[in-house]
Amino acid sequence: MPIYEFHCTRCQERFEEILRSLEQADEVVCPECGSQEVDRLQSGFATRCAGSGPGPQSSCGPSSGGFT
């Protein structure tokens, strides 16, 4: 299930929710103040590179054909 990020417009809290579908976003409540006045944020995502770690073995980065 995807994790979505939200921002409460009432108390400015940022939080994450695990939702089965995006349709459930209308039911999200701020855990800080209980408000339903929340906006879904555009989330980034993390990737893991083969051989990631210190040293020249890492396959991430411009020298290995990655995006710059």
Protein backbone atom coordinates (compact mmCIF):
# COMPACT_ATOMS: atom_id res chain seq x y z
CA MET A 1 0.00 0.00 0.00
CA PRO A 2 1.33 3.44 -0.85
CA ILE A 3 2.26 6.05 1.72
CA TYR A 4 0.91 9.54 1.01
CA GLU A 5 2.14 12.79 2.53
CA PHE A 6 -0.31 15.42 3.76
CA HIS A 7 -0.21 18.98 5.07
CA CYS A 8 -2.80 20.30 7.50
CA THR A 9 -3.94 23.78 6.50
CA ARG A 10 -5.17 24.49 10.02
CA CYS A 11 -2.13 23.67 12.19
CA GLN A 12 0.57 23.33 9.46
CA GLU A 13 1.45 19.76 10.53
CA ARG A 14 3.03 17.49 7.88
CA PHE A 15 2.26 13.81 8.22
CA GLU A 16 2.05 10.53 6.31
CA GLU A 17 -0.83 8.10 5.90
CA ILE A 18 -0.94 4.61 4.41
CA LEU A 19 -3.99 4.37 2.16
CA ARG A 20 -5.39 1.46 0.17
CA SER A 21 -6.49 3.88 -2.55
CA LEU A 22 -6.25 7.59 -3.21
CA GLU A 23 -10.03 7.79 -2.87
CA GLN A 24 -9.55 7.42 0.90
CA ALA A 25 -7.68 10.76 0.96
CA ASP A 26 -11.02 12.51 1.53
CA GLU A 27 -11.23 10.73 4.91
CA VAL A 28 -7.77 11.70 6.19
CA VAL A 29 -7.68 13.55 9.50
CA CYS A 30 -4.72 15.49 10.90
CA PRO A 31 -3.23 13.52 13.81
CA GLU A 32 -2.21 16.76 15.56
CA CYS A 33 -5.43 18.80 15.59
CA GLY A 34 -8.10 16.47 14.16
CA SER A 35 -8.91 18.72 11.21
CA GLN A 36 -10.01 17.32 7.86
CA GLU A 37 -8.61 20.42 6.13
CA VAL A 38 -5.60 18.64 4.67
CA ASP A 39 -3.82 18.83 1.31
CA ARG A 40 -2.03 15.90 -0.28
CA LEU A 41 1.59 16.73 -1.05
CA GLN A 42 3.58 15.64 -4.06
CA SER A 43 5.95 13.01 -2.70
CA GLY A 44 9.38 12.08 -3.88
CA PHE A 45 10.71 8.56 -3.70
CA ALA A 46 13.97 6.94 -2.75
CA THR A 47 15.93 4.48 -4.79
CA ARG A 48 18.65 2.10 -3.83
CA CYS A 49 21.63 1.68 -6.12
CA ALA A 50 23.50 -1.57 -6.63
CA GLY A 51 26.70 -1.47 -4.66
CA SER A 52 25.65 1.70 -2.87
CA GLY A 53 27.99 2.56 -0.10
CA PRO A 54 31.36 4.16 0.29
CA GLY A 55 33.95 3.59 -2.36
CA PRO A 56 34.22 3.37 -6.12
CA GLN A 57 31.95 0.29 -6.38
CA SER A 58 28.78 2.40 -6.31
CA SER A 59 26.87 2.31 -9.61
CA CYS A 60 24.96 5.54 -8.90
CA GLY A 61 25.90 8.89 -10.26
CA PRO A 62 26.76 10.58 -13.54
CA SER A 63 29.77 8.38 -14.25
CA SER A 64 27.54 5.29 -14.49
CA GLY A 65 24.99 6.73 -16.91
CA GLY A 66 22.68 8.18 -14.25
CA PHE A 67 20.72 11.39 -14.63
CA THR A 68 22.51 14.64 -13.87
